[in-house]
Amino acid sequence: MNTLNKKLIIAFFSVLILGIIGLFTIDQATQSRINNLSIISEVPSFELDNFDGIPFTEKKLDNKITVASFIFTQCEGACPIMSTNMGLLQKRFSDSDILQFVSITTDPDYDSSNILKEFSDKYSTKNNWFFLRGDINDVVKLSEDGFFLSASLLPVGHSTRLILIDKDRNIRKYYEGTVDANIVELQNDIVTLIKQG
């Protein structure tokens, strides 16, 4: 065997070993991301109404990956940013049938079904985003006891965090809804949950 053939064989095996190491590294990174999405808690029972009057319960979270938020339509600060970011995620995952979005108003006295419909028309481009309303006491209980988020001095005292919920109704992670880097992280975590199946 001449020197050229030996060098080619060595180069081939070097590339093969580097490829195996690369696949192992990618697998470890994927496992790390999955482990980073530990279960926080299960979403409790609740019943609110979508803007179209159809009841929405925790059962509508089954077999869907859900991004949830608490907003109100008169908000001039965080809510438009949060809703814009959720709209961007909705567009990025427009081909996914497993992903849905839920926004719960913290001002049900003002946010009538018609007002929520207008808000939906402004931010949503697909019928997989639900804008929910209900009794304020139910909203407070769901926010504080169900999602472990502040609900003091509503409507303005709501949390600005987005909540990632898996297809088994488990809260997996929170993200600051007004921070671009957090939205990128949320996007990556959605992909991870989709790949988990």
C-alpha atoms as a PDB file:
ATOM      1  CA  MET A   1       0.000   0.000   0.000  1.00  0.00           C
ATOM      2  CA  ASN A   2       1.496   3.314  -0.984  1.00  0.00           C
ATOM      3  CA  THR A   3       1.663   6.460   1.156  1.00  0.00           C
ATOM      4  CA  LEU A   4      -1.241   8.155  -0.633  1.00  0.00           C
ATOM      5  CA  ASN A   5      -3.621   5.266   0.127  1.00  0.00           C
ATOM      6  CA  LYS A   6      -2.561   5.244   3.787  1.00  0.00           C
ATOM      7  CA  LYS A   7      -3.234   8.989   4.056  1.00  0.00           C
ATOM      8  CA  LEU A   8      -6.683   8.564   2.443  1.00  0.00           C
ATOM      9  CA  ILE A   9      -7.575   5.741   4.851  1.00  0.00           C
ATOM     10  CA  ILE A  10      -6.401   7.802   7.834  1.00  0.00           C
ATOM     11  CA  ALA A  11      -8.373  10.843   6.569  1.00  0.00           C
ATOM     12  CA  PHE A  12     -11.495   8.695   6.060  1.00  0.00           C
ATOM     13  CA  PHE A  13     -11.363   7.271   9.575  1.00  0.00           C
ATOM     14  CA  SER A  14     -10.640  10.708  11.040  1.00  0.00           C
ATOM     15  CA  VAL A  15     -13.739  12.156   9.350  1.00  0.00           C
ATOM     16  CA  LEU A  16     -15.785   9.137  10.461  1.00  0.00           C
ATOM     17  CA  ILE A  17     -14.686   9.551  14.092  1.00  0.00           C
ATOM     18  CA  LEU A  18     -15.374  13.297  13.994  1.00  0.00           C
ATOM     19  CA  GLY A  19     -18.839  12.580  12.584  1.00  0.00           C
ATOM     20  CA  ILE A  20     -19.602  10.123  15.382  1.00  0.00           C
ATOM     21  CA  ILE A  21     -18.388  12.630  17.975  1.00  0.00           C
ATOM     22  CA  GLY A  22     -20.541  15.329  16.336  1.00  0.00           C
ATOM     23  CA  LEU A  23     -23.669  13.131  16.444  1.00  0.00           C
ATOM     24  CA  PHE A  24     -22.985  12.271  20.082  1.00  0.00           C
ATOM     25  CA  THR A  25     -22.605  15.975  20.921  1.00  0.00           C
ATOM     26  CA  ILE A  26     -25.863  16.864  19.149  1.00  0.00           C
ATOM     27  CA  ASP A  27     -27.665  14.051  20.985  1.00  0.00           C
ATOM     28  CA  GLN A  28     -26.314  15.256  24.331  1.00  0.00           C
ATOM     29  CA  ALA A  29     -27.364  18.835  23.574  1.00  0.00           C
ATOM     30  CA  THR A  30     -30.874  17.654  22.676  1.00  0.00           C
ATOM     31  CA  GLN A  31     -31.109  15.621  25.875  1.00  0.00           C
ATOM     32  CA  SER A  32     -29.909  18.633  27.851  1.00  0.00           C
ATOM     33  CA  ARG A  33     -32.659  20.818  26.309  1.00  0.00           C
ATOM     34  CA  ILE A  34     -35.290  18.151  27.095  1.00  0.00           C
ATOM     35  CA  ASN A  35     -34.040  17.873  30.682  1.00  0.00           C
ATOM     36  CA  ASN A  36     -34.188  21.682  30.933  1.00  0.00           C
ATOM     37  CA  LEU A  37     -37.948  21.429  30.350  1.00  0.00           C
ATOM     38  CA  SER A  38     -38.831  19.658  33.557  1.00  0.00           C
ATOM     39  CA  ILE A  39     -42.453  19.471  34.678  1.00  0.00           C
ATOM     40  CA  ILE A  40     -43.396  22.289  37.060  1.00  0.00           C
ATOM     41  CA  SER A  41     -47.035  21.380  37.717  1.00  0.00           C
ATOM     42  CA  GLU A  42     -50.191  20.197  36.008  1.00  0.00           C
ATOM     43  CA  VAL A  43     -52.687  22.807  34.842  1.00  0.00           C
ATOM     44  CA  PRO A  44     -55.752  22.596  37.136  1.00  0.00           C
ATOM     45  CA  SER A  45     -59.376  22.345  36.079  1.00  0.00           C
ATOM     46  CA  PHE A  46     -60.871  25.597  34.810  1.00  0.00           C
ATOM     47  CA  GLU A  47     -63.636  26.863  32.565  1.00  0.00           C
ATOM     48  CA  LEU A  48     -63.595  30.172  30.738  1.00  0.00           C
ATOM     49  CA  ASP A  49     -65.252  31.343  27.514  1.00  0.00           C
ATOM     50  CA  ASN A  50     -63.599  32.054  24.190  1.00  0.00           C
ATOM     51  CA  PHE A  51     -64.610  35.318  22.500  1.00  0.00           C
ATOM     52  CA  ASP A  52     -66.987  33.323  20.291  1.00  0.00           C
ATOM     53  CA  GLY A  53     -68.886  32.169  23.392  1.00  0.00           C
ATOM     54  CA  ILE A  54     -67.650  28.571  23.245  1.00  0.00           C
ATOM     55  CA  PRO A  55     -66.520  27.255  26.647  1.00  0.00           C
ATOM     56  CA  PHE A  56     -62.806  26.523  26.951  1.00  0.00           C
ATOM     57  CA  THR A  57     -61.683  24.105  29.661  1.00  0.00           C
ATOM     58  CA  GLU A  58     -58.399  22.502  30.629  1.00  0.00           C
ATOM     59  CA  LYS A  59     -59.412  19.543  28.433  1.00  0.00           C
ATOM     60  CA  LYS A  60     -58.760  21.685  25.340  1.00  0.00           C
ATOM     61  CA  LEU A  61     -55.079  21.602  26.333  1.00  0.00           C
ATOM     62  CA  ASP A  62     -54.964  17.821  25.840  1.00  0.00           C
ATOM     63  CA  ASN A  63     -52.713  16.654  22.987  1.00  0.00           C
ATOM     64  CA  LYS A  64     -51.682  20.234  22.197  1.00  0.00           C
ATOM     65  CA  ILE A  65     -48.589  22.250  23.028  1.00  0.00           C
ATOM     66  CA  THR A  66     -49.909  25.535  24.383  1.00  0.00           C
ATOM     67  CA  VAL A  67     -48.408  28.973  24.919  1.00  0.00           C
ATOM     68  CA  ALA A  68     -50.530  30.912  27.417  1.00  0.00           C
ATOM     69  CA  SER A  69     -50.586  34.532  28.580  1.00  0.00           C
ATOM     70  CA  PHE A  70     -52.552  36.928  30.753  1.00  0.00           C
ATOM     71  CA  ILE A  71     -53.392  40.231  29.032  1.00  0.00           C
ATOM     72  CA  PHE A  72     -56.031  42.946  28.793  1.00  0.00           C
ATOM     73  CA  THR A  73     -56.970  44.891  25.688  1.00  0.00           C
ATOM     74  CA  GLN A  74     -56.608  48.424  27.104  1.00  0.00           C
ATOM     75  CA  CYS A  75     -53.025  47.702  28.157  1.00  0.00           C
ATOM     76  CA  GLU A  76     -50.566  50.080  26.548  1.00  0.00           C
ATOM     77  CA  GLY A  77     -47.381  48.568  27.969  1.00  0.00           C
ATOM     78  CA  ALA A  78     -46.476  44.909  27.960  1.00  0.00           C
ATOM     79  CA  CYS A  79     -49.641  43.371  26.456  1.00  0.00           C
ATOM     80  CA  PRO A  80     -49.164  44.617  22.873  1.00  0.00           C
ATOM     81  CA  ILE A  81     -45.542  43.414  22.954  1.00  0.00           C
ATOM     82  CA  MET A  82     -46.536  40.040  24.396  1.00  0.00           C
ATOM     83  CA  SER A  83     -49.340  39.643  21.857  1.00  0.00           C
ATOM     84  CA  THR A  84     -47.084  40.667  18.972  1.00  0.00           C
ATOM     85  CA  ASN A  85     -44.520  38.080  20.094  1.00  0.00           C
ATOM     86  CA  MET A  86     -47.201  35.403  20.338  1.00  0.00           C
ATOM     87  CA  GLY A  87     -48.371  36.402  16.857  1.00  0.00           C
ATOM     88  CA  LEU A  88     -44.825  35.961  15.544  1.00  0.00           C
ATOM     89  CA  LEU A  89     -44.672  32.494  17.082  1.00  0.00           C
ATOM     90  CA  GLN A  90     -48.056  31.679  15.565  1.00  0.00           C
ATOM     91  CA  LYS A  91     -46.720  32.635  12.111  1.00  0.00           C
ATOM     92  CA  ARG A  92     -43.436  30.736  12.583  1.00  0.00           C
ATOM     93  CA  PHE A  93     -45.343  27.570  13.483  1.00  0.00           C
ATOM     94  CA  SER A  94     -48.262  28.098  11.095  1.00  0.00           C
ATOM     95  CA  ASP A  95     -47.852  24.586   9.645  1.00  0.00           C
ATOM     96  CA  SER A  96     -48.119  22.925  13.063  1.00  0.00           C
ATOM     97  CA  ASP A  97     -51.444  21.431  14.098  1.00  0.00           C
ATOM     98  CA  ILE A  98     -50.137  20.558  17.568  1.00  0.00           C
ATOM     99  CA  LEU A  99     -49.451  24.141  18.734  1.00  0.00           C
ATOM    100  CA  GLN A 100     -52.087  26.523  20.099  1.00  0.00           C
ATOM    101  CA  PHE A 101     -52.158  29.843  21.923  1.00  0.00           C
ATOM    102  CA  VAL A 102     -54.330  31.033  24.815  1.00  0.00           C
ATOM    103  CA  SER A 103     -54.647  34.594  26.129  1.00  0.00           C
ATOM    104  CA  ILE A 104     -56.758  35.210  29.222  1.00  0.00           C
ATOM    105  CA  THR A 105     -58.038  38.709  29.910  1.00  0.00           C
ATOM    106  CA  THR A 106     -57.457  40.189  33.345  1.00  0.00           C
ATOM    107  CA  ASP A 107     -60.158  42.791  32.676  1.00  0.00           C
ATOM    108  CA  PRO A 108     -63.317  40.815  31.859  1.00  0.00           C
ATOM    109  CA  ASP A 109     -65.555  43.738  32.839  1.00  0.00           C
ATOM    110  CA  TYR A 110     -64.241  45.774  29.893  1.00  0.00           C
ATOM    111  CA  ASP A 111     -63.040  43.011  27.578  1.00  0.00           C
ATOM    112  CA  SER A 112     -66.345  41.813  26.201  1.00  0.00           C
ATOM    113  CA  SER A 113     -66.519  39.039  23.624  1.00  0.00           C
ATOM    114  CA  ASN A 114     -66.685  41.653  20.843  1.00  0.00           C
ATOM    115  CA  ILE A 115     -63.637  43.512  22.124  1.00  0.00           C
ATOM    116  CA  LEU A 116     -61.680  40.258  22.434  1.00  0.00           C
ATOM    117  CA  LYS A 117     -62.716  39.382  18.861  1.00  0.00           C
ATOM    118  CA  GLU A 118     -61.299  42.722  17.654  1.00  0.00           C
ATOM    119  CA  PHE A 119     -58.107  42.066  19.625  1.00  0.00           C
ATOM    120  CA  SER A 120     -57.905  38.595  18.074  1.00  0.00           C
ATOM    121  CA  ASP A 121     -58.293  40.064  14.587  1.00  0.00           C
ATOM    122  CA  LYS A 122     -55.426  42.455  15.284  1.00  0.00           C
ATOM    123  CA  TYR A 123     -52.880  39.864  16.477  1.00  0.00           C
ATOM    124  CA  SER A 124     -53.948  36.404  15.316  1.00  0.00           C
ATOM    125  CA  THR A 125     -53.771  35.027  11.779  1.00  0.00           C
ATOM    126  CA  LYS A 126     -55.058  31.524  12.454  1.00  0.00           C
ATOM    127  CA  ASN A 127     -57.873  29.899  14.436  1.00  0.00           C
ATOM    128  CA  ASN A 128     -55.498  28.265  16.951  1.00  0.00           C
ATOM    129  CA  TRP A 129     -55.366  31.271  19.301  1.00  0.00           C
ATOM    130  CA  PHE A 130     -58.085  31.513  21.928  1.00  0.00           C
ATOM    131  CA  PHE A 131     -58.917  34.765  23.736  1.00  0.00           C
ATOM    132  CA  LEU A 132     -60.636  33.828  26.974  1.00  0.00           C
ATOM    133  CA  ARG A 133     -62.714  35.651  29.544  1.00  0.00           C
ATOM    134  CA  GLY A 134     -64.532  34.708  32.712  1.00  0.00           C
ATOM    135  CA  ASP A 135     -65.333  35.805  36.219  1.00  0.00           C
ATOM    136  CA  ILE A 136     -62.433  37.835  37.641  1.00  0.00           C
ATOM    137  CA  ASN A 137     -62.244  35.591  40.709  1.00  0.00           C
ATOM    138  CA  ASP A 138     -61.757  32.560  38.454  1.00  0.00           C
ATOM    139  CA  VAL A 139     -59.048  34.400  36.503  1.00  0.00           C
ATOM    140  CA  VAL A 140     -57.214  35.365  39.720  1.00  0.00           C
ATOM    141  CA  LYS A 141     -57.433  31.815  41.054  1.00  0.00           C
ATOM    142  CA  LEU A 142     -56.165  30.345  37.774  1.00  0.00           C
ATOM    143  CA  SER A 143     -53.288  32.829  37.592  1.00  0.00           C
ATOM    144  CA  GLU A 144     -52.151  32.507  41.199  1.00  0.00           C
ATOM    145  CA  ASP A 145     -53.044  28.932  42.146  1.00  0.00           C
ATOM    146  CA  GLY A 146     -52.940  27.297  38.722  1.00  0.00           C
ATOM    147  CA  PHE A 147     -50.007  29.002  37.024  1.00  0.00           C
ATOM    148  CA  PHE A 148     -48.249  30.414  40.127  1.00  0.00           C
ATOM    149  CA  LEU A 149     -48.237  33.925  38.664  1.00  0.00           C
ATOM    150  CA  SER A 150     -49.041  37.240  40.333  1.00  0.00           C
ATOM    151  CA  ALA A 151     -52.551  38.577  39.907  1.00  0.00           C
ATOM    152  CA  SER A 152     -52.575  41.550  42.267  1.00  0.00           C
ATOM    153  CA  LEU A 153     -54.074  44.916  41.352  1.00  0.00           C
ATOM    154  CA  LEU A 154     -55.720  43.625  38.200  1.00  0.00           C
ATOM    155  CA  PRO A 155     -56.012  44.375  35.414  1.00  0.00           C
ATOM    156  CA  VAL A 156     -52.567  46.015  35.277  1.00  0.00           C
ATOM    157  CA  GLY A 157     -50.933  43.781  37.908  1.00  0.00           C
ATOM    158  CA  HIS A 158     -50.915  40.664  35.759  1.00  0.00           C
ATOM    159  CA  SER A 159     -47.758  38.714  34.991  1.00  0.00           C
ATOM    160  CA  THR A 160     -45.962  39.422  31.725  1.00  0.00           C
ATOM    161  CA  ARG A 161     -44.647  35.874  31.498  1.00  0.00           C
ATOM    162  CA  LEU A 162     -45.633  33.448  28.778  1.00  0.00           C
ATOM    163  CA  ILE A 163     -46.291  29.882  29.890  1.00  0.00           C
ATOM    164  CA  LEU A 164     -45.294  26.775  27.932  1.00  0.00           C
ATOM    165  CA  ILE A 165     -47.649  23.840  28.507  1.00  0.00           C
ATOM    166  CA  ASP A 166     -47.026  20.383  27.063  1.00  0.00           C
ATOM    167  CA  LYS A 167     -49.583  18.078  25.452  1.00  0.00           C
ATOM    168  CA  ASP A 168     -50.228  16.371  28.802  1.00  0.00           C
ATOM    169  CA  ARG A 169     -51.291  19.669  30.451  1.00  0.00           C
ATOM    170  CA  ASN A 170     -48.006  20.086  32.301  1.00  0.00           C
ATOM    171  CA  ILE A 171     -46.520  23.542  32.834  1.00  0.00           C
ATOM    172  CA  ARG A 172     -42.978  23.207  31.523  1.00  0.00           C
ATOM    173  CA  LYS A 173     -41.436  26.678  31.620  1.00  0.00           C
ATOM    174  CA  TYR A 174     -42.010  30.443  31.915  1.00  0.00           C
ATOM    175  CA  TYR A 175     -40.625  33.153  29.610  1.00  0.00           C
ATOM    176  CA  GLU A 176     -40.625  36.920  29.926  1.00  0.00           C
ATOM    177  CA  GLY A 177     -43.061  37.847  27.144  1.00  0.00           C
ATOM    178  CA  THR A 178     -41.467  41.196  26.315  1.00  0.00           C
ATOM    179  CA  VAL A 179     -37.843  40.059  25.924  1.00  0.00           C
ATOM    180  CA  ASP A 180     -36.708  38.980  22.450  1.00  0.00           C
ATOM    181  CA  ALA A 181     -34.101  36.519  23.761  1.00  0.00           C
ATOM    182  CA  ASN A 182     -36.794  34.788  25.834  1.00  0.00           C
ATOM    183  CA  ILE A 183     -39.038  34.488  22.769  1.00  0.00           C
ATOM    184  CA  VAL A 184     -36.187  32.815  20.854  1.00  0.00           C
ATOM    185  CA  GLU A 185     -35.711  30.445  23.793  1.00  0.00           C
ATOM    186  CA  LEU A 186     -39.454  29.718  23.825  1.00  0.00           C
ATOM    187  CA  GLN A 187     -39.370  29.035  20.094  1.00  0.00           C
ATOM    188  CA  ASN A 188     -36.536  26.540  20.569  1.00  0.00           C
ATOM    189  CA  ASP A 189     -38.355  24.848  23.439  1.00  0.00           C
ATOM    190  CA  ILE A 190     -41.506  24.533  21.328  1.00  0.00           C
ATOM    191  CA  VAL A 191     -39.433  22.751  18.696  1.00  0.00           C
ATOM    192  CA  THR A 192     -38.055  20.437  21.377  1.00  0.00           C
ATOM    193  CA  LEU A 193     -41.555  19.525  22.598  1.00  0.00           C
ATOM    194  CA  ILE A 194     -42.783  18.992  19.026  1.00  0.00           C
ATOM    195  CA  LYS A 195     -39.862  16.638  18.358  1.00  0.00           C
ATOM    196  CA  GLN A 196     -40.631  14.728  21.568  1.00  0.00           C
ATOM    197  CA  GLY A 197     -43.975  13.837  20.015  1.00  0.00           C
END
